[in-house]
Amino acid sequence: MSKIEFDILIPPPDPSTSKTNPDVSEDRREDQLCPDDPEKLKQQPLVAGEAPNTNCQEILHFTPKLLIESGKTSYRFRCPGPGGFQCALTGLVFVTTQEAELLYNTVQWDESLLQSAGRMAAGPLYDIKCSEEAAVCQLHLPHCEIIDAPLPDGLLSVVHITDDGMSILEPLEITDTHVVVNVPHLSMLGLIWDVVKRLWTKPVSSQVLLFLRPPHPTTQRQNLNMLLLPRNIALNEVKLHVTMFKACLKTPVTMFVVLLVLM
């Protein structure tokens, strides 16, 4: 029987790298740092439908309000004005041109629809709604690629699914963490891989969920279940399912999360 060992190093958080308030916090990562005052986001003149230049403005973190009904999680947040806003739970970044309320949730992929186009899911599929139709002009979707070299052309793209069918949006940019795309209007959007090009690409960044069950009353042995997930899967939704699983078992289950690279 083979044995697998993990050496896990978890660096402590640096309190000097973040600043928070109850609803929105400033993202201090160097590649998104900007000296502009956040209030200037509201004052910047914008042409309707034009994306603010998020390369020279802050990306502001927010924690959305969670709406849970029948085991389904939805996220709600009101953008205070134009700018870039990143969800702390899903990693999604919304670039807006005006104040608007967002409501979004994950939905089930239609695998047959993707297969017919030679594609496969590369992350969650989000159903996104907005109180103002043209308020969101750009979307940044988190990916799980390891960007240590240029990715193959056409590997990653964004699918846009409406009542009229499916269309594929080519990225404006692929950063170390996100795929950036302009959105003509909101509906169901998600990251997809080209099936053929995925076959010879590099490892992806992932997270390992370890579920430790209580000791058996007789043998005192414990079961440790392991679940592998891509990095861009929101853990809060996984935790919701774990909570429901605990309720079904009527026994405690402890969950641990480890980040690693899958070969």
C-alpha atoms as a PDB file:
ATOM      1  CA  MET A   1       0.000   0.000   0.000  1.00  0.00           C
ATOM      2  CA  SER A   2       1.419   3.368  -0.978  1.00  0.00           C
ATOM      3  CA  LYS A   3       1.820   6.123   1.561  1.00  0.00           C
ATOM      4  CA  ILE A   4       1.362   9.833   0.852  1.00  0.00           C
ATOM      5  CA  GLU A   5       2.740  12.493   3.172  1.00  0.00           C
ATOM      6  CA  PHE A   6       2.049  16.226   3.093  1.00  0.00           C
ATOM      7  CA  ASP A   7       4.275  18.940   4.529  1.00  0.00           C
ATOM      8  CA  ILE A   8       1.943  21.888   5.041  1.00  0.00           C
ATOM      9  CA  LEU A   9       3.207  25.392   5.774  1.00  0.00           C
ATOM     10  CA  ILE A  10       0.535  27.989   6.556  1.00  0.00           C
ATOM     11  CA  PRO A  11       1.985  31.517   6.906  1.00  0.00           C
ATOM     12  CA  PRO A  12       0.286  33.741   9.492  1.00  0.00           C
ATOM     13  CA  PRO A  13      -1.825  36.601   8.111  1.00  0.00           C
ATOM     14  CA  ASP A  14      -0.147  39.981   7.932  1.00  0.00           C
ATOM     15  CA  PRO A  15      -2.486  42.474   9.602  1.00  0.00           C
ATOM     16  CA  SER A  16      -0.720  45.326   7.843  1.00  0.00           C
ATOM     17  CA  THR A  17      -1.888  44.152   4.413  1.00  0.00           C
ATOM     18  CA  SER A  18      -5.614  44.608   4.894  1.00  0.00           C
ATOM     19  CA  LYS A  19      -8.058  47.245   5.988  1.00  0.00           C
ATOM     20  CA  THR A  20     -11.690  46.458   6.530  1.00  0.00           C
ATOM     21  CA  ASN A  21     -14.992  48.059   7.416  1.00  0.00           C
ATOM     22  CA  PRO A  22     -18.398  46.391   7.885  1.00  0.00           C
ATOM     23  CA  ASP A  23     -19.273  46.287   4.180  1.00  0.00           C
ATOM     24  CA  VAL A  24     -16.366  47.165   1.877  1.00  0.00           C
ATOM     25  CA  SER A  25     -12.610  46.940   2.389  1.00  0.00           C
ATOM     26  CA  GLU A  26      -9.701  48.152   0.301  1.00  0.00           C
ATOM     27  CA  ASP A  27      -7.628  45.447  -1.439  1.00  0.00           C
ATOM     28  CA  ARG A  28      -3.961  46.205  -0.733  1.00  0.00           C
ATOM     29  CA  ARG A  29      -2.351  43.790  -3.188  1.00  0.00           C
ATOM     30  CA  GLU A  30       0.470  45.560  -5.027  1.00  0.00           C
ATOM     31  CA  ASP A  31      -0.848  44.799  -8.505  1.00  0.00           C
ATOM     32  CA  GLN A  32      -4.095  46.584  -7.646  1.00  0.00           C
ATOM     33  CA  LEU A  33      -2.838  49.348  -5.381  1.00  0.00           C
ATOM     34  CA  CYS A  34      -3.870  52.890  -6.251  1.00  0.00           C
ATOM     35  CA  PRO A  35      -3.305  56.196  -4.450  1.00  0.00           C
ATOM     36  CA  ASP A  36      -6.728  57.525  -5.496  1.00  0.00           C
ATOM     37  CA  ASP A  37      -9.326  58.127  -2.842  1.00  0.00           C
ATOM     38  CA  PRO A  38     -12.204  55.583  -3.086  1.00  0.00           C
ATOM     39  CA  GLU A  39     -14.667  58.475  -3.116  1.00  0.00           C
ATOM     40  CA  LYS A  40     -13.199  59.553  -6.458  1.00  0.00           C
ATOM     41  CA  LEU A  41     -14.671  56.402  -7.986  1.00  0.00           C
ATOM     42  CA  LYS A  42     -18.085  58.029  -7.719  1.00  0.00           C
ATOM     43  CA  GLN A  43     -16.812  61.304  -9.163  1.00  0.00           C
ATOM     44  CA  GLN A  44     -15.098  59.871 -12.248  1.00  0.00           C
ATOM     45  CA  PRO A  45     -16.988  60.880 -15.416  1.00  0.00           C
ATOM     46  CA  LEU A  46     -18.041  57.800 -17.393  1.00  0.00           C
ATOM     47  CA  VAL A  47     -19.680  57.237 -20.741  1.00  0.00           C
ATOM     48  CA  ALA A  48     -22.638  54.849 -20.423  1.00  0.00           C
ATOM     49  CA  GLY A  49     -21.407  51.259 -20.684  1.00  0.00           C
ATOM     50  CA  GLU A  50     -17.738  52.258 -20.409  1.00  0.00           C
ATOM     51  CA  ALA A  51     -15.646  50.258 -17.938  1.00  0.00           C
ATOM     52  CA  PRO A  52     -13.730  52.232 -15.304  1.00  0.00           C
ATOM     53  CA  ASN A  53      -9.974  51.773 -15.563  1.00  0.00           C
ATOM     54  CA  THR A  54      -9.484  49.321 -12.696  1.00  0.00           C
ATOM     55  CA  ASN A  55      -5.737  49.158 -13.363  1.00  0.00           C
ATOM     56  CA  CYS A  56      -5.356  52.581 -11.713  1.00  0.00           C
ATOM     57  CA  GLN A  57      -8.140  52.286  -9.158  1.00  0.00           C
ATOM     58  CA  GLU A  58      -8.635  50.201  -6.067  1.00  0.00           C
ATOM     59  CA  ILE A  59     -10.411  46.884  -6.194  1.00  0.00           C
ATOM     60  CA  LEU A  60     -12.607  47.017  -3.103  1.00  0.00           C
ATOM     61  CA  HIS A  61     -13.444  43.861  -1.181  1.00  0.00           C
ATOM     62  CA  PHE A  62     -16.985  43.351   0.046  1.00  0.00           C
ATOM     63  CA  THR A  63     -18.750  40.664   2.031  1.00  0.00           C
ATOM     64  CA  PRO A  64     -22.178  40.044   0.492  1.00  0.00           C
ATOM     65  CA  LYS A  65     -25.347  39.283   2.386  1.00  0.00           C
ATOM     66  CA  LEU A  66     -26.062  35.557   2.270  1.00  0.00           C
ATOM     67  CA  LEU A  67     -29.556  34.376   1.420  1.00  0.00           C
ATOM     68  CA  ILE A  68     -30.079  30.660   2.088  1.00  0.00           C
ATOM     69  CA  GLU A  69     -33.272  28.939   1.049  1.00  0.00           C
ATOM     70  CA  SER A  70     -33.843  25.185   0.576  1.00  0.00           C
ATOM     71  CA  GLY A  71     -30.104  24.529   0.616  1.00  0.00           C
ATOM     72  CA  LYS A  72     -29.430  27.127  -2.088  1.00  0.00           C
ATOM     73  CA  THR A  73     -27.105  30.048  -1.387  1.00  0.00           C
ATOM     74  CA  SER A  74     -27.535  33.453  -3.046  1.00  0.00           C
ATOM     75  CA  TYR A  75     -25.351  36.537  -2.591  1.00  0.00           C
ATOM     76  CA  ARG A  76     -26.568  40.126  -2.448  1.00  0.00           C
ATOM     77  CA  PHE A  77     -24.557  43.345  -2.487  1.00  0.00           C
ATOM     78  CA  ARG A  78     -25.238  46.967  -3.406  1.00  0.00           C
ATOM     79  CA  CYS A  79     -22.357  48.612  -5.267  1.00  0.00           C
ATOM     80  CA  PRO A  80     -22.090  52.202  -4.022  1.00  0.00           C
ATOM     81  CA  GLY A  81     -21.001  53.608  -7.382  1.00  0.00           C
ATOM     82  CA  PRO A  82     -18.615  53.107 -10.314  1.00  0.00           C
ATOM     83  CA  GLY A  83     -15.484  51.036  -9.726  1.00  0.00           C
ATOM     84  CA  GLY A  84     -14.293  47.495  -9.133  1.00  0.00           C
ATOM     85  CA  PHE A  85     -15.764  45.362  -6.310  1.00  0.00           C
ATOM     86  CA  GLN A  86     -14.520  41.901  -5.341  1.00  0.00           C
ATOM     87  CA  CYS A  87     -16.683  39.402  -3.469  1.00  0.00           C
ATOM     88  CA  ALA A  88     -14.771  38.048  -0.483  1.00  0.00           C
ATOM     89  CA  LEU A  89     -16.652  34.721  -0.643  1.00  0.00           C
ATOM     90  CA  THR A  90     -16.617  33.825  -4.345  1.00  0.00           C
ATOM     91  CA  GLY A  91     -13.682  35.880  -5.657  1.00  0.00           C
ATOM     92  CA  LEU A  92     -15.845  37.435  -8.393  1.00  0.00           C
ATOM     93  CA  VAL A  93     -14.976  41.012  -9.354  1.00  0.00           C
ATOM     94  CA  PHE A  94     -17.709  43.283 -10.706  1.00  0.00           C
ATOM     95  CA  VAL A  95     -16.733  46.445 -12.570  1.00  0.00           C
ATOM     96  CA  THR A  96     -19.638  48.887 -12.501  1.00  0.00           C
ATOM     97  CA  THR A  97     -20.434  52.236 -14.057  1.00  0.00           C
ATOM     98  CA  GLN A  98     -23.041  53.297 -11.490  1.00  0.00           C
ATOM     99  CA  GLU A  99     -24.706  52.376  -8.218  1.00  0.00           C
ATOM    100  CA  ALA A 100     -26.624  49.089  -8.449  1.00  0.00           C
ATOM    101  CA  GLU A 101     -27.700  46.046  -6.460  1.00  0.00           C
ATOM    102  CA  LEU A 102     -26.273  42.642  -7.396  1.00  0.00           C
ATOM    103  CA  LEU A 103     -27.909  39.268  -6.778  1.00  0.00           C
ATOM    104  CA  TYR A 104     -26.019  36.142  -7.851  1.00  0.00           C
ATOM    105  CA  ASN A 105     -25.823  32.415  -7.178  1.00  0.00           C
ATOM    106  CA  THR A 106     -24.292  29.259  -8.619  1.00  0.00           C
ATOM    107  CA  VAL A 107     -26.340  26.990 -10.876  1.00  0.00           C
ATOM    108  CA  GLN A 108     -25.867  23.515 -12.314  1.00  0.00           C
ATOM    109  CA  TRP A 109     -23.865  23.191 -15.532  1.00  0.00           C
ATOM    110  CA  ASP A 110     -25.492  21.569 -18.563  1.00  0.00           C
ATOM    111  CA  GLU A 111     -22.684  19.145 -19.433  1.00  0.00           C
ATOM    112  CA  SER A 112     -24.279  18.078 -22.727  1.00  0.00           C
ATOM    113  CA  LEU A 113     -24.353  21.711 -23.890  1.00  0.00           C
ATOM    114  CA  LEU A 114     -20.645  22.114 -23.131  1.00  0.00           C
ATOM    115  CA  GLN A 115     -19.674  18.808 -24.718  1.00  0.00           C
ATOM    116  CA  SER A 116     -21.406  19.767 -27.943  1.00  0.00           C
ATOM    117  CA  ALA A 117     -19.032  22.753 -28.153  1.00  0.00           C
ATOM    118  CA  GLY A 118     -15.931  20.770 -27.160  1.00  0.00           C
ATOM    119  CA  ARG A 119     -15.703  22.517 -23.798  1.00  0.00           C
ATOM    120  CA  MET A 120     -15.744  21.586 -20.120  1.00  0.00           C
ATOM    121  CA  ALA A 121     -16.443  23.535 -16.940  1.00  0.00           C
ATOM    122  CA  ALA A 122     -13.435  25.351 -15.455  1.00  0.00           C
ATOM    123  CA  GLY A 123     -15.266  26.734 -12.418  1.00  0.00           C
ATOM    124  CA  PRO A 124     -18.751  27.484 -11.104  1.00  0.00           C
ATOM    125  CA  LEU A 125     -21.537  28.737 -13.346  1.00  0.00           C
ATOM    126  CA  TYR A 126     -23.037  31.947 -11.931  1.00  0.00           C
ATOM    127  CA  ASP A 127     -26.520  33.314 -12.548  1.00  0.00           C
ATOM    128  CA  ILE A 128     -26.065  37.068 -12.082  1.00  0.00           C
ATOM    129  CA  LYS A 129     -28.824  39.668 -11.863  1.00  0.00           C
ATOM    130  CA  CYS A 130     -28.540  43.421 -11.415  1.00  0.00           C
ATOM    131  CA  SER A 131     -31.058  46.132 -10.558  1.00  0.00           C
ATOM    132  CA  GLU A 132     -29.657  48.317 -13.366  1.00  0.00           C
ATOM    133  CA  GLU A 133     -29.258  46.479 -16.678  1.00  0.00           C
ATOM    134  CA  ALA A 134     -26.146  48.328 -17.915  1.00  0.00           C
ATOM    135  CA  ALA A 135     -24.473  48.880 -14.535  1.00  0.00           C
ATOM    136  CA  VAL A 136     -22.040  45.932 -14.751  1.00  0.00           C
ATOM    137  CA  CYS A 137     -19.797  46.291 -17.781  1.00  0.00           C
ATOM    138  CA  GLN A 138     -16.962  43.932 -16.888  1.00  0.00           C
ATOM    139  CA  LEU A 139     -16.555  40.737 -14.916  1.00  0.00           C
ATOM    140  CA  HIS A 140     -13.442  39.088 -13.471  1.00  0.00           C
ATOM    141  CA  LEU A 141     -13.934  35.361 -12.840  1.00  0.00           C
ATOM    142  CA  PRO A 142     -11.414  33.545 -10.590  1.00  0.00           C
ATOM    143  CA  HIS A 143      -9.537  30.672 -12.238  1.00  0.00           C
ATOM    144  CA  CYS A 144      -7.356  27.868 -10.859  1.00  0.00           C
ATOM    145  CA  GLU A 145      -4.490  28.002 -13.362  1.00  0.00           C
ATOM    146  CA  ILE A 146      -0.852  28.354 -12.338  1.00  0.00           C
ATOM    147  CA  ILE A 147       0.513  31.247 -14.388  1.00  0.00           C
ATOM    148  CA  ASP A 148       4.251  30.576 -14.489  1.00  0.00           C
ATOM    149  CA  ALA A 149       4.269  30.649 -18.310  1.00  0.00           C
ATOM    150  CA  PRO A 150       1.828  31.810 -21.001  1.00  0.00           C
ATOM    151  CA  LEU A 151      -1.264  29.621 -21.243  1.00  0.00           C
ATOM    152  CA  PRO A 152      -2.167  28.008 -24.573  1.00  0.00           C
ATOM    153  CA  ASP A 153      -4.301  30.310 -26.711  1.00  0.00           C
ATOM    154  CA  GLY A 154      -7.964  29.459 -26.365  1.00  0.00           C
ATOM    155  CA  LEU A 155      -7.560  27.264 -23.267  1.00  0.00           C
ATOM    156  CA  LEU A 156      -9.749  29.504 -21.096  1.00  0.00           C
ATOM    157  CA  SER A 157     -12.844  31.404 -22.150  1.00  0.00           C
ATOM    158  CA  VAL A 158     -16.147  32.511 -20.657  1.00  0.00           C
ATOM    159  CA  VAL A 159     -19.501  31.014 -21.575  1.00  0.00           C
ATOM    160  CA  HIS A 160     -22.566  33.261 -21.691  1.00  0.00           C
ATOM    161  CA  ILE A 161     -25.835  31.323 -21.479  1.00  0.00           C
ATOM    162  CA  THR A 162     -29.193  32.972 -22.123  1.00  0.00           C
ATOM    163  CA  ASP A 163     -32.660  31.840 -23.191  1.00  0.00           C
ATOM    164  CA  ASP A 164     -31.455  32.236 -26.784  1.00  0.00           C
ATOM    165  CA  GLY A 165     -28.601  29.759 -26.357  1.00  0.00           C
ATOM    166  CA  MET A 166     -24.890  29.722 -25.553  1.00  0.00           C
ATOM    167  CA  SER A 167     -22.160  32.065 -26.739  1.00  0.00           C
ATOM    168  CA  ILE A 168     -18.436  32.069 -25.929  1.00  0.00           C
ATOM    169  CA  LEU A 169     -16.704  35.295 -24.852  1.00  0.00           C
ATOM    170  CA  GLU A 170     -12.959  35.622 -25.392  1.00  0.00           C
ATOM    171  CA  PRO A 171     -11.011  37.067 -22.439  1.00  0.00           C
ATOM    172  CA  LEU A 172      -9.692  40.602 -22.500  1.00  0.00           C
ATOM    173  CA  GLU A 173      -6.948  39.520 -20.112  1.00  0.00           C
ATOM    174  CA  ILE A 174      -5.932  36.566 -17.965  1.00  0.00           C
ATOM    175  CA  THR A 175      -4.208  37.633 -14.756  1.00  0.00           C
ATOM    176  CA  ASP A 176      -2.577  35.423 -12.127  1.00  0.00           C
ATOM    177  CA  THR A 177      -5.949  34.932 -10.463  1.00  0.00           C
ATOM    178  CA  HIS A 178      -8.783  36.017 -12.787  1.00  0.00           C
ATOM    179  CA  VAL A 179     -10.146  35.927 -16.317  1.00  0.00           C
ATOM    180  CA  VAL A 180     -11.335  39.397 -17.365  1.00  0.00           C
ATOM    181  CA  VAL A 181     -14.195  39.756 -19.827  1.00  0.00           C
ATOM    182  CA  ASN A 182     -16.588  42.471 -20.969  1.00  0.00           C
ATOM    183  CA  VAL A 183     -20.222  41.485 -20.491  1.00  0.00           C
ATOM    184  CA  PRO A 184     -22.881  42.674 -22.961  1.00  0.00           C
ATOM    185  CA  HIS A 185     -25.600  41.882 -20.423  1.00  0.00           C
ATOM    186  CA  LEU A 186     -25.971  39.669 -17.376  1.00  0.00           C
ATOM    187  CA  SER A 187     -27.322  36.147 -17.249  1.00  0.00           C
ATOM    188  CA  MET A 188     -25.467  32.875 -16.620  1.00  0.00           C
ATOM    189  CA  LEU A 189     -21.702  33.196 -16.952  1.00  0.00           C
ATOM    190  CA  GLY A 190     -18.866  30.833 -16.122  1.00  0.00           C
ATOM    191  CA  LEU A 191     -15.341  29.771 -17.039  1.00  0.00           C
ATOM    192  CA  ILE A 192     -14.798  26.937 -19.518  1.00  0.00           C
ATOM    193  CA  TRP A 193     -11.814  24.973 -20.809  1.00  0.00           C
ATOM    194  CA  ASP A 194     -11.130  23.778 -24.323  1.00  0.00           C
ATOM    195  CA  VAL A 195     -11.252  19.983 -23.861  1.00  0.00           C
ATOM    196  CA  VAL A 196      -8.343  19.184 -26.205  1.00  0.00           C
ATOM    197  CA  LYS A 197      -6.008  21.940 -24.957  1.00  0.00           C
ATOM    198  CA  ARG A 198      -6.750  20.993 -21.343  1.00  0.00           C
ATOM    199  CA  LEU A 199      -5.177  17.564 -21.949  1.00  0.00           C
ATOM    200  CA  TRP A 200      -1.615  18.865 -22.207  1.00  0.00           C
ATOM    201  CA  THR A 201      -1.703  21.849 -19.896  1.00  0.00           C
ATOM    202  CA  LYS A 202      -0.021  22.176 -16.518  1.00  0.00           C
ATOM    203  CA  PRO A 203      -1.300  21.356 -13.013  1.00  0.00           C
ATOM    204  CA  VAL A 204      -4.002  23.470 -11.420  1.00  0.00           C
ATOM    205  CA  SER A 205      -4.095  25.058  -7.992  1.00  0.00           C
ATOM    206  CA  SER A 206      -6.548  23.250  -5.747  1.00  0.00           C
ATOM    207  CA  GLN A 207      -7.789  22.845  -2.216  1.00  0.00           C
ATOM    208  CA  VAL A 208      -8.108  19.635  -0.240  1.00  0.00           C
ATOM    209  CA  LEU A 209     -11.011  19.266   2.173  1.00  0.00           C
ATOM    210  CA  LEU A 210     -10.444  16.750   4.940  1.00  0.00           C
ATOM    211  CA  PHE A 211     -13.471  15.491   6.870  1.00  0.00           C
ATOM    212  CA  LEU A 212     -12.670  13.817  10.198  1.00  0.00           C
ATOM    213  CA  ARG A 213     -15.445  11.677  11.628  1.00  0.00           C
ATOM    214  CA  PRO A 214     -15.771  10.896  15.334  1.00  0.00           C
ATOM    215  CA  PRO A 215     -14.195   7.685  16.720  1.00  0.00           C
ATOM    216  CA  HIS A 216     -16.080   4.420  16.347  1.00  0.00           C
ATOM    217  CA  PRO A 217     -17.580   3.590  19.757  1.00  0.00           C
ATOM    218  CA  THR A 218     -16.075   0.067  19.757  1.00  0.00           C
ATOM    219  CA  THR A 219     -12.794   0.244  17.822  1.00  0.00           C
ATOM    220  CA  GLN A 220     -12.085   3.955  18.445  1.00  0.00           C
ATOM    221  CA  ARG A 221     -10.949   4.199  14.840  1.00  0.00           C
ATOM    222  CA  GLN A 222     -11.704   7.390  12.902  1.00  0.00           C
ATOM    223  CA  ASN A 223     -12.455   7.819   9.220  1.00  0.00           C
ATOM    224  CA  LEU A 224     -10.773  10.661   7.352  1.00  0.00           C
ATOM    225  CA  ASN A 225     -12.535  11.486   4.078  1.00  0.00           C
ATOM    226  CA  MET A 226     -10.780  13.629   1.457  1.00  0.00           C
ATOM    227  CA  LEU A 227     -12.377  15.812  -1.203  1.00  0.00           C
ATOM    228  CA  LEU A 228     -10.357  17.581  -3.922  1.00  0.00           C
ATOM    229  CA  LEU A 229     -11.694  20.873  -5.284  1.00  0.00           C
ATOM    230  CA  PRO A 230     -10.291  23.521  -7.657  1.00  0.00           C
ATOM    231  CA  ARG A 231      -9.157  26.741  -5.994  1.00  0.00           C
ATOM    232  CA  ASN A 232     -12.015  28.780  -7.491  1.00  0.00           C
ATOM    233  CA  ILE A 233     -14.799  26.855  -5.733  1.00  0.00           C
ATOM    234  CA  ALA A 234     -16.416  28.929  -2.951  1.00  0.00           C
ATOM    235  CA  LEU A 235     -15.873  27.181   0.381  1.00  0.00           C
ATOM    236  CA  ASN A 236     -18.930  28.697   2.044  1.00  0.00           C
ATOM    237  CA  GLU A 237     -21.197  26.661  -0.246  1.00  0.00           C
ATOM    238  CA  VAL A 238     -19.223  23.518   0.573  1.00  0.00           C
ATOM    239  CA  LYS A 239     -19.613  24.301   4.268  1.00  0.00           C
ATOM    240  CA  LEU A 240     -23.367  24.593   3.781  1.00  0.00           C
ATOM    241  CA  HIS A 241     -23.491  21.078   2.338  1.00  0.00           C
ATOM    242  CA  VAL A 242     -21.277  19.828   5.175  1.00  0.00           C
ATOM    243  CA  THR A 243     -23.712  21.340   7.679  1.00  0.00           C
ATOM    244  CA  MET A 244     -26.599  19.561   5.975  1.00  0.00           C
ATOM    245  CA  PHE A 245     -24.529  16.352   5.934  1.00  0.00           C
ATOM    246  CA  LYS A 246     -23.937  16.682   9.684  1.00  0.00           C
ATOM    247  CA  ALA A 247     -27.651  17.097  10.260  1.00  0.00           C
ATOM    248  CA  CYS A 248     -28.354  13.922   8.310  1.00  0.00           C
ATOM    249  CA  LEU A 249     -25.713  11.934  10.216  1.00  0.00           C
ATOM    250  CA  LYS A 250     -26.628  13.511  13.546  1.00  0.00           C
ATOM    251  CA  THR A 251     -22.927  13.234  14.440  1.00  0.00           C
ATOM    252  CA  PRO A 252     -20.154  15.849  14.444  1.00  0.00           C
ATOM    253  CA  VAL A 253     -17.850  16.083  11.439  1.00  0.00           C
ATOM    254  CA  THR A 254     -14.728  18.269  11.504  1.00  0.00           C
ATOM    255  CA  MET A 255     -13.630  19.917   8.254  1.00  0.00           C
ATOM    256  CA  PHE A 256     -10.071  20.989   7.442  1.00  0.00           C
ATOM    257  CA  VAL A 257      -8.952  22.878   4.331  1.00  0.00           C
ATOM    258  CA  VAL A 258      -5.495  22.535   2.751  1.00  0.00           C
ATOM    259  CA  LEU A 259      -4.279  24.356  -0.382  1.00  0.00           C
ATOM    260  CA  LEU A 260      -1.994  22.475  -2.763  1.00  0.00           C
ATOM    261  CA  VAL A 261      -1.080  21.962  -6.395  1.00  0.00           C
ATOM    262  CA  LEU A 262      -2.558  18.954  -8.193  1.00  0.00           C
ATOM    263  CA  MET A 263      -0.192  17.271 -10.650  1.00  0.00           C
END
